[in-house]
Amino acid sequence: MQYVGMKSSRIMSPKLTPEEYAEAFETCIDKAENVISMQEEYGITTLTFQDEFFPHSLRKIGYDCPPMIHCLGDMSLLDPKANRIAIIGARAASPTGLRKAYELGKQFAEEDNIIVSGLALGCDKAAHEGCLDAGGQTIAIVASGLNIVHPKENTSLQQRILESGGLILTEQPFGVKANPTRLVARNRLQAALSSTVILAECPEQSGSMHTMRFARKYHKRCLVVSYPEYNDKNAGNELLINLNLAKSI
C-alpha cells in the first residue's frame, strides 16, 4: 500500500537519468522529513515498521501492514498485552443499532478492554461514547492526517477521547484527507489491532462489512449482534449469521 501523500510516479519513470532519479528521490525524502517534523510539533508520534514499539498485531498482517503509523495520545494503548475490542457499525444506524453500539462500548470498557472504533458518525461514535461514559480508554483509527478531523462533527468527541487518555491513530500523514479508498484501508487497521471485532448493526452494503472481511482474513474473533427481526438497516448482521461467518451475540 503506497504511503499516500508522497507522489512517486516521477521517481518510478524509466525515462529518468541516474542524476534525475537521485534528485527526485532526495526531494521525496525532504518532503517526508518536513511532514514528520510538522507532526512532531503537534505532539504526534510516528512509528515505522522497523520501530521496536510498532504494534506486533499490525506486523502480523503481512503485506497489508502499513509502513508507518502516526499516533496522538496515550501510546500505552498499543501495548501487546492489552486486550483491544473493535466495535463497529453503520453511520446511518437505527436507534436500536446505536443503543447496541453504545451498550457494547460501555460493557466491554467496564471489563477493562480498550475499545477500538473509527470515529465515524453512527455506531462508531456511540461505541466511543459508551466506552468514555464507563471511564474507559478508546482508540479511534481514522482515514485522514491528524491535522484533520473527519467528520468535522466529531471534533469534540476526538478531543474528549484524548482528554480521557485515549489514542487517535492513522497511517495517513499531515494534510491527507479521508476518501472512500482510505476509509476501507482504515477498516483493516481496526480489525488488525483488535483481538475481537463486534458488529453492532449494518446493511449488506456497508464499510463495516469490509471490516468483518478483514477480521476473518486476520483470524480474529468475529461477533455480530442478532436481532429478533431483520430489515434493511441490519441485513448485514443477518447475512453474516446465516453464512456462519460470525457468531451471534
Foldseek 3Di string as FASTA:
>chain_A
DDQPPQDCVVLPDPPDDPVRNVVSVVVSVVVVVVLVVVLVVVVKDKDAPPDPLDQPLLVLVPPLRFRMKIKDFASCLSPPVAAEEEEEEFQPADPQLLVQLLCVLQVVQLVVHEYEYALHHGSRLSSLVSNVVNLGAYEHEYLFAPVDDPPPVCPVVVVSNRVSRYMYMYSHTPPGDHDPVSLLSSLLVSLSSHQEYEYSAAALDHSVVSNLVSNVVSVHAYEYEDDPDDDRTHNNRVVCVVVVSHHYD
